[in-house]
Amino acid sequence: MSVSGTDFSDGELRQRDLQRSALLRSVTHDLRTPLSAIRAVVSDLHDGVQYDELTRIDLLETVLDEIDRLDRLVGNLLAASRIEAGAMEPRAAAVAIEELLEHRVRTLGSLLREHVVALDVPDGLPEVEADYGQIEQVVTNLLTNAVRYAPTGSTIEVDARVADDSAGRAVRVAVRDRGPGMPSDFAARAFEPFVKGVGSRSTGLGLSICKAIVEAHGGQVGVDARRGGGTAIWFTLPVMQPLEAGRVQMGEA
């Protein structure tokens, strides 16, 4: 059989149907949970329920958090759709990784507020050749994944270093948590679509999207166990060649 010009066996088609059904169930849950929280708060405020100022602020922050959660979910679904359609084409330019990481950590402040984020990027790190918006999504997914498994109050480490990969000189970015870690059998499949950790209610798309984006940039992605527990997920991006300047400024992507 052929679907959109690609040949699939009957078994592969059945597997894809099962994956889509699993995704639909997961997305339905992930959409309903934040929408229910938003509806509850907005309904109370609409009905004139009186709250003290601190409670009112706390409730409005809950609404903003759930809106951000919905935005991340929709972003991943759109990315998954583009990947499946073969339309994940990076618009590469020179990007300063330190600025991108700092911006993501600052923007995701509400998501990260119950953890300590330690950002470690050396001075003079070369710019990478990348699509700013797509790499923002990679970093967002890795930080979201770390928050999902890291104990409250623990430190999430984010660092970047110059490294050499199979394609040549690159910058290697890693996000490290102190969660329970990944079993070796799960780590081997962590970047496959719909693969989720034990007890996770995520869509199982986040890491697979990271892999697709990074590989579209000519980079690599991987996962390492940490001594003392936890997980380090890393990716590489090619260093921008000096003659191809054209740095992306914050907010231009």
C-alpha atoms as a PDB file:
ATOM      1  CA  MET A   1       0.000   0.000   0.000  1.00  0.00           C
ATOM      2  CA  SER A   2       1.033   3.610  -0.526  1.00  0.00           C
ATOM      3  CA  VAL A   3       0.184   6.641   1.622  1.00  0.00           C
ATOM      4  CA  SER A   4       1.233  10.083   0.336  1.00  0.00           C
ATOM      5  CA  GLY A   5       3.726   8.438  -1.976  1.00  0.00           C
ATOM      6  CA  THR A   6       5.281   6.256   0.756  1.00  0.00           C
ATOM      7  CA  ASP A   7       4.949   2.474   0.761  1.00  0.00           C
ATOM      8  CA  PHE A   8       3.753   0.824   3.975  1.00  0.00           C
ATOM      9  CA  SER A   9       2.964  -2.786   4.769  1.00  0.00           C
ATOM     10  CA  ASP A  10      -0.391  -3.701   6.301  1.00  0.00           C
ATOM     11  CA  GLY A  11       1.345  -4.204   9.652  1.00  0.00           C
ATOM     12  CA  GLU A  12       2.969  -0.770   9.470  1.00  0.00           C
ATOM     13  CA  LEU A  13      -0.351   0.848   8.601  1.00  0.00           C
ATOM     14  CA  ARG A  14      -2.021  -0.851  11.571  1.00  0.00           C
ATOM     15  CA  GLN A  15       0.811   0.341  13.809  1.00  0.00           C
ATOM     16  CA  ARG A  16       0.418   3.921  12.547  1.00  0.00           C
ATOM     17  CA  ASP A  17      -3.325   3.746  13.191  1.00  0.00           C
ATOM     18  CA  LEU A  18      -2.677   2.522  16.743  1.00  0.00           C
ATOM     19  CA  GLN A  19      -0.175   5.343  17.278  1.00  0.00           C
ATOM     20  CA  ARG A  20      -2.631   7.945  16.016  1.00  0.00           C
ATOM     21  CA  SER A  21      -5.337   6.560  18.299  1.00  0.00           C
ATOM     22  CA  ALA A  22      -2.951   6.694  21.265  1.00  0.00           C
ATOM     23  CA  LEU A  23      -1.990  10.245  20.341  1.00  0.00           C
ATOM     24  CA  LEU A  24      -5.635  11.288  20.096  1.00  0.00           C
ATOM     25  CA  ARG A  25      -6.372   9.882  23.566  1.00  0.00           C
ATOM     26  CA  SER A  26      -3.311  11.575  25.035  1.00  0.00           C
ATOM     27  CA  VAL A  27      -3.988  14.922  23.347  1.00  0.00           C
ATOM     28  CA  THR A  28      -7.633  14.840  24.420  1.00  0.00           C
ATOM     29  CA  HIS A  29      -6.522  14.457  28.043  1.00  0.00           C
ATOM     30  CA  ASP A  30      -3.783  17.072  27.717  1.00  0.00           C
ATOM     31  CA  LEU A  31      -6.235  19.576  26.233  1.00  0.00           C
ATOM     32  CA  ARG A  32      -9.045  18.959  28.691  1.00  0.00           C
ATOM     33  CA  THR A  33      -6.908  19.288  31.831  1.00  0.00           C
ATOM     34  CA  PRO A  34      -5.731  22.889  31.295  1.00  0.00           C
ATOM     35  CA  LEU A  35      -9.053  23.902  29.741  1.00  0.00           C
ATOM     36  CA  SER A  36     -10.899  22.638  32.827  1.00  0.00           C
ATOM     37  CA  ALA A  37      -8.615  24.664  35.107  1.00  0.00           C
ATOM     38  CA  ILE A  38      -9.049  27.791  32.994  1.00  0.00           C
ATOM     39  CA  ARG A  39     -12.832  27.347  32.846  1.00  0.00           C
ATOM     40  CA  ALA A  40     -13.091  26.937  36.630  1.00  0.00           C
ATOM     41  CA  VAL A  41     -11.166  30.128  37.371  1.00  0.00           C
ATOM     42  CA  VAL A  42     -12.842  32.219  34.672  1.00  0.00           C
ATOM     43  CA  SER A  43     -16.308  30.995  35.709  1.00  0.00           C
ATOM     44  CA  ASP A  44     -15.714  32.024  39.323  1.00  0.00           C
ATOM     45  CA  LEU A  45     -14.444  35.454  38.298  1.00  0.00           C
ATOM     46  CA  HIS A  46     -17.344  35.877  35.869  1.00  0.00           C
ATOM     47  CA  ASP A  47     -19.870  34.953  38.580  1.00  0.00           C
ATOM     48  CA  GLY A  48     -18.436  37.556  40.902  1.00  0.00           C
ATOM     49  CA  VAL A  49     -16.881  35.204  43.467  1.00  0.00           C
ATOM     50  CA  GLN A  50     -14.904  37.383  45.849  1.00  0.00           C
ATOM     51  CA  TYR A  51     -11.274  36.486  46.495  1.00  0.00           C
ATOM     52  CA  ASP A  52      -8.622  38.279  48.471  1.00  0.00           C
ATOM     53  CA  GLU A  53      -5.914  39.892  46.348  1.00  0.00           C
ATOM     54  CA  LEU A  54      -3.274  37.176  46.849  1.00  0.00           C
ATOM     55  CA  THR A  55      -5.732  34.401  45.946  1.00  0.00           C
ATOM     56  CA  ARG A  56      -6.914  36.307  42.890  1.00  0.00           C
ATOM     57  CA  ILE A  57      -3.326  36.756  41.678  1.00  0.00           C
ATOM     58  CA  ASP A  58      -2.600  33.080  42.314  1.00  0.00           C
ATOM     59  CA  LEU A  59      -5.647  32.028  40.299  1.00  0.00           C
ATOM     60  CA  LEU A  60      -4.732  34.297  37.395  1.00  0.00           C
ATOM     61  CA  GLU A  61      -1.195  32.877  37.415  1.00  0.00           C
ATOM     62  CA  THR A  62      -2.748  29.418  37.189  1.00  0.00           C
ATOM     63  CA  VAL A  63      -4.664  30.511  34.093  1.00  0.00           C
ATOM     64  CA  LEU A  64      -1.488  31.888  32.502  1.00  0.00           C
ATOM     65  CA  ASP A  65       0.404  28.670  33.312  1.00  0.00           C
ATOM     66  CA  GLU A  66      -2.307  26.552  31.691  1.00  0.00           C
ATOM     67  CA  ILE A  67      -2.373  28.791  28.609  1.00  0.00           C
ATOM     68  CA  ASP A  68       1.405  28.356  28.288  1.00  0.00           C
ATOM     69  CA  ARG A  69       0.931  24.590  28.635  1.00  0.00           C
ATOM     70  CA  LEU A  70      -1.639  24.610  25.833  1.00  0.00           C
ATOM     71  CA  ASP A  71       0.701  26.690  23.679  1.00  0.00           C
ATOM     72  CA  ARG A  72       3.525  24.156  24.101  1.00  0.00           C
ATOM     73  CA  LEU A  73       1.176  21.276  23.271  1.00  0.00           C
ATOM     74  CA  VAL A  74      -0.125  22.960  20.125  1.00  0.00           C
ATOM     75  CA  GLY A  75       3.438  23.827  19.092  1.00  0.00           C
ATOM     76  CA  ASN A  76       4.470  20.182  19.348  1.00  0.00           C
ATOM     77  CA  LEU A  77       1.423  18.994  17.417  1.00  0.00           C
ATOM     78  CA  LEU A  78       2.147  21.468  14.614  1.00  0.00           C
ATOM     79  CA  ALA A  79       5.793  20.394  14.549  1.00  0.00           C
ATOM     80  CA  ALA A  80       4.800  16.716  14.439  1.00  0.00           C
ATOM     81  CA  SER A  81       2.493  17.463  11.510  1.00  0.00           C
ATOM     82  CA  ARG A  82       5.272  19.253   9.604  1.00  0.00           C
ATOM     83  CA  ILE A  83       7.696  16.412  10.291  1.00  0.00           C
ATOM     84  CA  GLU A  84       5.250  13.780   9.039  1.00  0.00           C
ATOM     85  CA  ALA A  85       4.647  15.857   5.903  1.00  0.00           C
ATOM     86  CA  GLY A  86       8.400  16.205   5.308  1.00  0.00           C
ATOM     87  CA  ALA A  87       8.155  19.981   5.684  1.00  0.00           C
ATOM     88  CA  MET A  88      10.631  20.486   8.542  1.00  0.00           C
ATOM     89  CA  GLU A  89      13.031  22.769   6.638  1.00  0.00           C
ATOM     90  CA  PRO A  90      15.270  24.909   8.892  1.00  0.00           C
ATOM     91  CA  ARG A  91      15.757  28.554   7.933  1.00  0.00           C
ATOM     92  CA  ALA A  92      19.318  28.660   9.164  1.00  0.00           C
ATOM     93  CA  ALA A  93      21.305  31.744  10.140  1.00  0.00           C
ATOM     94  CA  ALA A  94      23.956  32.538  12.732  1.00  0.00           C
ATOM     95  CA  VAL A  95      22.555  32.090  16.257  1.00  0.00           C
ATOM     96  CA  ALA A  96      24.213  32.852  19.596  1.00  0.00           C
ATOM     97  CA  ILE A  97      23.363  29.838  21.754  1.00  0.00           C
ATOM     98  CA  GLU A  98      23.972  31.686  25.037  1.00  0.00           C
ATOM     99  CA  GLU A  99      21.336  34.307  24.161  1.00  0.00           C
ATOM    100  CA  LEU A 100      18.866  31.644  23.046  1.00  0.00           C
ATOM    101  CA  LEU A 101      19.294  29.597  26.237  1.00  0.00           C
ATOM    102  CA  GLU A 102      19.014  32.646  28.488  1.00  0.00           C
ATOM    103  CA  HIS A 103      15.885  33.771  26.640  1.00  0.00           C
ATOM    104  CA  ARG A 104      14.241  30.331  26.929  1.00  0.00           C
ATOM    105  CA  VAL A 105      14.981  30.020  30.651  1.00  0.00           C
ATOM    106  CA  ARG A 106      13.604  33.514  31.269  1.00  0.00           C
ATOM    107  CA  THR A 107      10.499  32.950  29.133  1.00  0.00           C
ATOM    108  CA  LEU A 108       9.770  29.598  30.804  1.00  0.00           C
ATOM    109  CA  GLY A 109      10.070  31.087  34.289  1.00  0.00           C
ATOM    110  CA  SER A 110       6.633  29.893  35.410  1.00  0.00           C
ATOM    111  CA  LEU A 111       7.365  26.326  34.263  1.00  0.00           C
ATOM    112  CA  LEU A 112      10.746  26.319  36.020  1.00  0.00           C
ATOM    113  CA  ARG A 113       9.814  28.193  39.183  1.00  0.00           C
ATOM    114  CA  GLU A 114       9.911  25.100  41.443  1.00  0.00           C
ATOM    115  CA  HIS A 115      13.447  24.248  40.312  1.00  0.00           C
ATOM    116  CA  VAL A 116      16.826  25.930  40.257  1.00  0.00           C
ATOM    117  CA  VAL A 117      18.245  26.381  36.751  1.00  0.00           C
ATOM    118  CA  ALA A 118      22.045  26.536  36.502  1.00  0.00           C
ATOM    119  CA  LEU A 119      23.086  27.907  33.113  1.00  0.00           C
ATOM    120  CA  ASP A 120      26.738  27.364  32.174  1.00  0.00           C
ATOM    121  CA  VAL A 121      27.974  28.761  28.851  1.00  0.00           C
ATOM    122  CA  PRO A 122      31.622  29.818  28.443  1.00  0.00           C
ATOM    123  CA  ASP A 123      32.566  33.202  27.010  1.00  0.00           C
ATOM    124  CA  GLY A 124      33.492  33.178  23.355  1.00  0.00           C
ATOM    125  CA  LEU A 125      31.301  30.246  22.372  1.00  0.00           C
ATOM    126  CA  PRO A 126      30.991  30.355  18.562  1.00  0.00           C
ATOM    127  CA  GLU A 127      27.658  30.985  16.912  1.00  0.00           C
ATOM    128  CA  VAL A 128      25.831  28.020  15.403  1.00  0.00           C
ATOM    129  CA  GLU A 129      24.068  27.640  12.077  1.00  0.00           C
ATOM    130  CA  ALA A 130      20.455  27.119  13.050  1.00  0.00           C
ATOM    131  CA  ASP A 131      16.813  28.069  12.752  1.00  0.00           C
ATOM    132  CA  TYR A 132      16.241  30.139  15.894  1.00  0.00           C
ATOM    133  CA  GLY A 133      12.572  29.241  16.344  1.00  0.00           C
ATOM    134  CA  GLN A 134      13.102  25.515  15.821  1.00  0.00           C
ATOM    135  CA  ILE A 135      15.988  25.327  18.292  1.00  0.00           C
ATOM    136  CA  GLU A 136      13.882  27.275  20.804  1.00  0.00           C
ATOM    137  CA  GLN A 137      11.358  24.449  20.539  1.00  0.00           C
ATOM    138  CA  VAL A 138      14.078  21.850  21.119  1.00  0.00           C
ATOM    139  CA  VAL A 139      15.256  23.619  24.281  1.00  0.00           C
ATOM    140  CA  THR A 140      11.659  24.116  25.465  1.00  0.00           C
ATOM    141  CA  ASN A 141      10.913  20.398  25.062  1.00  0.00           C
ATOM    142  CA  LEU A 142      14.093  19.378  26.898  1.00  0.00           C
ATOM    143  CA  LEU A 143      13.379  21.730  29.797  1.00  0.00           C
ATOM    144  CA  THR A 144       9.757  20.550  29.949  1.00  0.00           C
ATOM    145  CA  ASN A 145      10.982  16.953  30.028  1.00  0.00           C
ATOM    146  CA  ALA A 146      13.448  17.749  32.825  1.00  0.00           C
ATOM    147  CA  VAL A 147      10.746  19.440  34.923  1.00  0.00           C
ATOM    148  CA  ARG A 148       8.491  16.414  34.433  1.00  0.00           C
ATOM    149  CA  TYR A 149      10.987  14.093  36.157  1.00  0.00           C
ATOM    150  CA  ALA A 150      13.196  16.305  38.355  1.00  0.00           C
ATOM    151  CA  PRO A 151      12.299  16.495  42.069  1.00  0.00           C
ATOM    152  CA  THR A 152      10.841  19.790  43.247  1.00  0.00           C
ATOM    153  CA  GLY A 153      13.596  22.126  44.416  1.00  0.00           C
ATOM    154  CA  SER A 154      16.335  20.249  42.567  1.00  0.00           C
ATOM    155  CA  THR A 155      18.760  21.839  40.127  1.00  0.00           C
ATOM    156  CA  ILE A 156      18.380  21.516  36.363  1.00  0.00           C
ATOM    157  CA  GLU A 157      21.706  22.162  34.659  1.00  0.00           C
ATOM    158  CA  VAL A 158      21.929  23.619  31.165  1.00  0.00           C
ATOM    159  CA  ASP A 159      25.318  23.933  29.533  1.00  0.00           C
ATOM    160  CA  ALA A 160      26.902  24.429  26.121  1.00  0.00           C
ATOM    161  CA  ARG A 161      30.407  23.546  24.945  1.00  0.00           C
ATOM    162  CA  VAL A 162      32.400  23.326  21.740  1.00  0.00           C
ATOM    163  CA  ALA A 163      32.615  19.714  20.606  1.00  0.00           C
ATOM    164  CA  ASP A 164      33.498  17.640  17.569  1.00  0.00           C
ATOM    165  CA  ASP A 165      30.838  15.399  16.069  1.00  0.00           C
ATOM    166  CA  SER A 166      30.785  13.256  12.939  1.00  0.00           C
ATOM    167  CA  ALA A 167      30.005  16.303  10.785  1.00  0.00           C
ATOM    168  CA  GLY A 168      32.879  18.396  12.150  1.00  0.00           C
ATOM    169  CA  ARG A 169      33.120  21.219  14.669  1.00  0.00           C
ATOM    170  CA  ALA A 170      29.911  21.747  16.612  1.00  0.00           C
ATOM    171  CA  VAL A 171      28.386  23.203  19.766  1.00  0.00           C
ATOM    172  CA  ARG A 172      26.996  20.630  22.192  1.00  0.00           C
ATOM    173  CA  VAL A 173      24.077  21.673  24.420  1.00  0.00           C
ATOM    174  CA  ALA A 174      22.983  19.494  27.352  1.00  0.00           C
ATOM    175  CA  VAL A 175      20.067  19.614  29.792  1.00  0.00           C
ATOM    176  CA  ARG A 176      20.709  17.582  32.959  1.00  0.00           C
ATOM    177  CA  ASP A 177      18.277  16.682  35.725  1.00  0.00           C
ATOM    178  CA  ARG A 178      18.398  14.760  39.011  1.00  0.00           C
ATOM    179  CA  GLY A 179      15.293  12.679  38.404  1.00  0.00           C
ATOM    180  CA  PRO A 180      15.035   8.880  38.606  1.00  0.00           C
ATOM    181  CA  GLY A 181      16.938   8.437  35.349  1.00  0.00           C
ATOM    182  CA  MET A 182      16.032   6.359  32.293  1.00  0.00           C
ATOM    183  CA  PRO A 183      16.231   2.566  32.243  1.00  0.00           C
ATOM    184  CA  SER A 184      18.644   1.477  29.510  1.00  0.00           C
ATOM    185  CA  ASP A 185      15.898  -0.201  27.460  1.00  0.00           C
ATOM    186  CA  PHE A 186      13.820   2.992  27.544  1.00  0.00           C
ATOM    187  CA  ALA A 187      16.799   5.250  26.762  1.00  0.00           C
ATOM    188  CA  ALA A 188      17.407   3.291  23.552  1.00  0.00           C
ATOM    189  CA  ARG A 189      13.885   4.225  22.365  1.00  0.00           C
ATOM    190  CA  ALA A 190      13.484   7.628  24.025  1.00  0.00           C
ATOM    191  CA  PHE A 191      13.526   9.566  20.746  1.00  0.00           C
ATOM    192  CA  GLU A 192      10.905   7.426  19.016  1.00  0.00           C
ATOM    193  CA  PRO A 193       7.415   8.958  18.603  1.00  0.00           C
ATOM    194  CA  PHE A 194       4.843   8.071  21.269  1.00  0.00           C
ATOM    195  CA  VAL A 195       7.426   6.511  23.619  1.00  0.00           C
ATOM    196  CA  LYS A 196       6.704   7.715  27.184  1.00  0.00           C
ATOM    197  CA  GLY A 197       8.271   7.162  30.578  1.00  0.00           C
ATOM    198  CA  VAL A 198       6.530   5.105  33.234  1.00  0.00           C
ATOM    199  CA  GLY A 199       3.550   7.041  34.592  1.00  0.00           C
ATOM    200  CA  SER A 200       3.976   9.894  32.118  1.00  0.00           C
ATOM    201  CA  ARG A 201       0.830  11.462  30.679  1.00  0.00           C
ATOM    202  CA  SER A 202       2.669  13.361  27.963  1.00  0.00           C
ATOM    203  CA  THR A 203       1.965  12.829  24.270  1.00  0.00           C
ATOM    204  CA  GLY A 204       5.324  11.114  23.813  1.00  0.00           C
ATOM    205  CA  LEU A 205       6.183  13.512  20.985  1.00  0.00           C
ATOM    206  CA  GLY A 206       8.570  15.976  22.631  1.00  0.00           C
ATOM    207  CA  LEU A 207      11.863  14.094  22.304  1.00  0.00           C
ATOM    208  CA  SER A 208      11.042  12.704  18.859  1.00  0.00           C
ATOM    209  CA  ILE A 209      10.442  16.281  17.674  1.00  0.00           C
ATOM    210  CA  CYS A 210      13.797  17.309  19.164  1.00  0.00           C
ATOM    211  CA  LYS A 211      15.513  14.526  17.226  1.00  0.00           C
ATOM    212  CA  ALA A 212      13.841  15.438  13.933  1.00  0.00           C
ATOM    213  CA  ILE A 213      14.705  19.136  14.276  1.00  0.00           C
ATOM    214  CA  VAL A 214      18.315  18.563  15.327  1.00  0.00           C
ATOM    215  CA  GLU A 215      18.955  16.035  12.565  1.00  0.00           C
ATOM    216  CA  ALA A 216      17.396  18.412  10.015  1.00  0.00           C
ATOM    217  CA  HIS A 217      20.144  20.840  11.100  1.00  0.00           C
ATOM    218  CA  GLY A 218      22.849  18.217  10.540  1.00  0.00           C
ATOM    219  CA  GLY A 219      23.324  17.689  14.283  1.00  0.00           C
ATOM    220  CA  GLN A 220      23.085  14.727  16.628  1.00  0.00           C
ATOM    221  CA  VAL A 221      21.029  14.025  19.747  1.00  0.00           C
ATOM    222  CA  GLY A 222      21.468  11.559  22.578  1.00  0.00           C
ATOM    223  CA  VAL A 223      20.843  10.672  26.204  1.00  0.00           C
ATOM    224  CA  ASP A 224      23.305   9.739  28.965  1.00  0.00           C
ATOM    225  CA  ALA A 225      22.776   8.463  32.491  1.00  0.00           C
ATOM    226  CA  ARG A 226      24.248  10.638  35.270  1.00  0.00           C
ATOM    227  CA  ARG A 227      26.314   9.451  38.174  1.00  0.00           C
ATOM    228  CA  GLY A 228      24.241   9.637  41.311  1.00  0.00           C
ATOM    229  CA  GLY A 229      20.991   9.504  39.328  1.00  0.00           C
ATOM    230  CA  GLY A 230      19.339  11.619  36.714  1.00  0.00           C
ATOM    231  CA  THR A 231      19.494  12.076  32.981  1.00  0.00           C
ATOM    232  CA  ALA A 232      21.449  14.252  30.582  1.00  0.00           C
ATOM    233  CA  ILE A 233      19.894  14.841  27.159  1.00  0.00           C
ATOM    234  CA  TRP A 234      22.160  16.563  24.664  1.00  0.00           C
ATOM    235  CA  PHE A 235      22.222  17.759  21.076  1.00  0.00           C
ATOM    236  CA  THR A 236      24.792  19.255  18.727  1.00  0.00           C
ATOM    237  CA  LEU A 237      24.567  21.988  16.114  1.00  0.00           C
ATOM    238  CA  PRO A 238      27.165  22.903  13.482  1.00  0.00           C
ATOM    239  CA  VAL A 239      29.293  25.965  14.125  1.00  0.00           C
ATOM    240  CA  MET A 240      28.568  28.859  11.778  1.00  0.00           C
ATOM    241  CA  GLN A 241      31.305  29.464   9.262  1.00  0.00           C
ATOM    242  CA  PRO A 242      32.868  32.965   9.521  1.00  0.00           C
ATOM    243  CA  LEU A 243      31.996  33.947   5.952  1.00  0.00           C
ATOM    244  CA  GLU A 244      28.304  33.198   6.483  1.00  0.00           C
ATOM    245  CA  ALA A 245      27.589  35.903   9.028  1.00  0.00           C
ATOM    246  CA  GLY A 246      24.052  37.202   9.458  1.00  0.00           C
ATOM    247  CA  ARG A 247      23.337  36.850  13.115  1.00  0.00           C
ATOM    248  CA  VAL A 248      19.758  36.410  14.253  1.00  0.00           C
ATOM    249  CA  GLN A 249      18.783  38.934  16.883  1.00  0.00           C
ATOM    250  CA  MET A 250      16.339  38.160  19.669  1.00  0.00           C
ATOM    251  CA  GLY A 251      12.747  38.192  18.496  1.00  0.00           C
ATOM    252  CA  GLU A 252      13.524  38.162  14.750  1.00  0.00           C
ATOM    253  CA  ALA A 253      12.752  34.470  14.253  1.00  0.00           C
END
